[in-house]
Each structure stands twice: as C-alpha cells, then as structure tokens.
Amino acid sequence: MVGKFKTGAETDAEKVVQNGFRKLGENRWAATEFLKPLDGRDCG
C-alpha cells in the first residue's frame, strides 16, 4: 500500500533507516530524501 503526505506534513518516525527509507511505523516507510527533522529533534 502506498500513502501520501502533504508538503510540510509532520509525522513521528523511528531511528531505523534501511536502503534509504526511514521507518515511520508498522509497515510504513518513507524515502529519507523527502524527510527532514523538526527543529530540536534527534533523528540519529
């Protein structure tokens, strides 16, 4: 299943990154090239 986020949307994510994708939740991943951390957040 593919989902979409609107530009500027915020979501929680995990520190797990595999093959250029960051885990957002159970069976939910997003390409890291489209993500950026919020100010003050540690994305390790």
N, C-alpha and C. Protein backbone atom coordinates (compact mmCIF):
# COMPACT_ATOMS: atom_id res chain seq x y z
N MET A 1 0.85 -1.19 0.00
CA MET A 1 0.00 0.00 0.00
C MET A 1 0.89 1.24 0.00
N VAL A 2 0.51 2.19 -0.78
CA VAL A 2 1.26 3.45 -0.87
C VAL A 2 0.39 4.56 -0.29
N GLY A 3 1.00 5.41 0.51
CA GLY A 3 0.28 6.54 1.08
C GLY A 3 0.93 7.84 0.65
N LYS A 4 0.31 8.93 1.03
CA LYS A 4 0.83 10.25 0.68
C LYS A 4 0.81 11.15 1.90
N PHE A 5 1.76 12.08 1.92
CA PHE A 5 1.77 13.15 2.90
C PHE A 5 1.73 14.46 2.12
N LYS A 6 1.06 15.43 2.65
CA LYS A 6 1.08 16.75 2.04
C LYS A 6 2.42 17.41 2.35
N THR A 7 2.87 18.29 1.49
CA THR A 7 4.11 19.02 1.73
C THR A 7 4.02 19.74 3.06
N GLY A 8 5.04 19.57 3.90
CA GLY A 8 5.06 20.22 5.20
C GLY A 8 4.38 19.43 6.30
N ALA A 9 3.83 18.26 5.96
CA ALA A 9 3.17 17.43 6.98
C ALA A 9 4.18 16.93 7.99
N GLU A 10 3.72 16.71 9.21
CA GLU A 10 4.59 16.20 10.27
C GLU A 10 4.09 14.83 10.71
N THR A 11 5.03 13.94 11.01
CA THR A 11 4.68 12.61 11.50
C THR A 11 5.80 12.10 12.39
N ASP A 12 5.48 11.17 13.25
CA ASP A 12 6.50 10.52 14.05
C ASP A 12 7.25 9.53 13.16
N ALA A 13 8.49 9.27 13.53
CA ALA A 13 9.30 8.29 12.79
C ALA A 13 10.24 7.62 13.77
N GLU A 14 10.75 6.50 13.36
CA GLU A 14 11.71 5.77 14.18
C GLU A 14 13.12 6.06 13.68
N LYS A 15 14.12 5.64 14.44
CA LYS A 15 15.51 5.87 14.03
C LYS A 15 16.00 4.80 13.06
N VAL A 16 15.14 3.88 12.67
CA VAL A 16 15.51 2.80 11.77
C VAL A 16 15.52 3.30 10.33
N VAL A 17 16.66 3.14 9.65
CA VAL A 17 16.79 3.50 8.24
C VAL A 17 17.36 2.30 7.50
N GLN A 18 16.70 1.90 6.42
CA GLN A 18 17.18 0.79 5.60
C GLN A 18 17.03 1.15 4.13
N ASN A 19 18.11 0.97 3.39
CA ASN A 19 18.08 1.21 1.94
C ASN A 19 17.50 2.56 1.55
N GLY A 20 17.80 3.59 2.34
CA GLY A 20 17.34 4.94 2.01
C GLY A 20 15.92 5.25 2.44
N PHE A 21 15.33 4.37 3.24
CA PHE A 21 13.97 4.60 3.74
C PHE A 21 13.97 4.61 5.26
N ARG A 22 13.24 5.53 5.86
CA ARG A 22 13.10 5.62 7.32
C ARG A 22 11.77 5.02 7.72
N LYS A 23 11.80 4.22 8.77
CA LYS A 23 10.58 3.58 9.26
C LYS A 23 9.71 4.59 9.99
N LEU A 24 8.46 4.69 9.58
CA LEU A 24 7.51 5.59 10.22
C LEU A 24 6.64 4.83 11.21
N GLY A 25 6.46 3.56 10.99
CA GLY A 25 5.61 2.74 11.84
C GLY A 25 5.51 1.35 11.26
N GLU A 26 4.64 0.55 11.79
CA GLU A 26 4.48 -0.81 11.31
C GLU A 26 4.10 -0.82 9.83
N ASN A 27 4.99 -1.37 9.01
CA ASN A 27 4.78 -1.45 7.55
C ASN A 27 4.59 -0.08 6.90
N ARG A 28 5.19 0.94 7.49
CA ARG A 28 5.12 2.30 6.91
C ARG A 28 6.53 2.85 6.80
N TRP A 29 6.97 3.17 5.61
CA TRP A 29 8.31 3.67 5.34
C TRP A 29 8.22 4.88 4.42
N ALA A 30 9.21 5.77 4.51
CA ALA A 30 9.26 6.92 3.60
C ALA A 30 10.71 7.14 3.19
N ALA A 31 10.90 7.55 1.95
CA ALA A 31 12.25 7.83 1.44
C ALA A 31 12.86 8.98 2.22
N THR A 32 14.07 8.78 2.72
CA THR A 32 14.72 9.81 3.53
C THR A 32 14.96 11.09 2.75
N GLU A 33 15.06 11.01 1.43
CA GLU A 33 15.30 12.22 0.64
C GLU A 33 14.15 13.21 0.74
N PHE A 34 12.97 12.75 1.15
CA PHE A 34 11.82 13.63 1.27
C PHE A 34 11.52 14.03 2.71
N LEU A 35 12.37 13.60 3.64
CA LEU A 35 12.13 13.86 5.06
C LEU A 35 13.17 14.81 5.62
N LYS A 36 12.77 15.59 6.61
CA LYS A 36 13.74 16.39 7.35
C LYS A 36 13.26 16.45 8.80
N PRO A 37 14.21 16.47 9.74
CA PRO A 37 13.81 16.51 11.16
C PRO A 37 13.25 17.87 11.55
N LEU A 38 12.34 17.86 12.49
CA LEU A 38 11.85 19.11 13.06
C LEU A 38 12.96 19.71 13.93
N ASP A 39 12.96 21.01 14.11
CA ASP A 39 13.97 21.65 14.95
C ASP A 39 13.97 21.02 16.34
N GLY A 40 15.17 20.70 16.81
CA GLY A 40 15.30 20.14 18.15
C GLY A 40 15.08 18.64 18.24
N ARG A 41 14.83 17.98 17.12
CA ARG A 41 14.60 16.54 17.12
C ARG A 41 15.89 15.80 16.76
N ASP A 42 16.07 14.64 17.35
CA ASP A 42 17.24 13.80 17.08
C ASP A 42 16.80 12.63 16.19
N CYS A 43 17.26 12.63 14.97
CA CYS A 43 16.86 11.56 14.05
C CYS A 43 17.93 10.49 13.92
N GLY A 44 18.99 10.60 14.73
CA GLY A 44 20.06 9.61 14.78
C GLY A 44 20.20 8.83 13.60
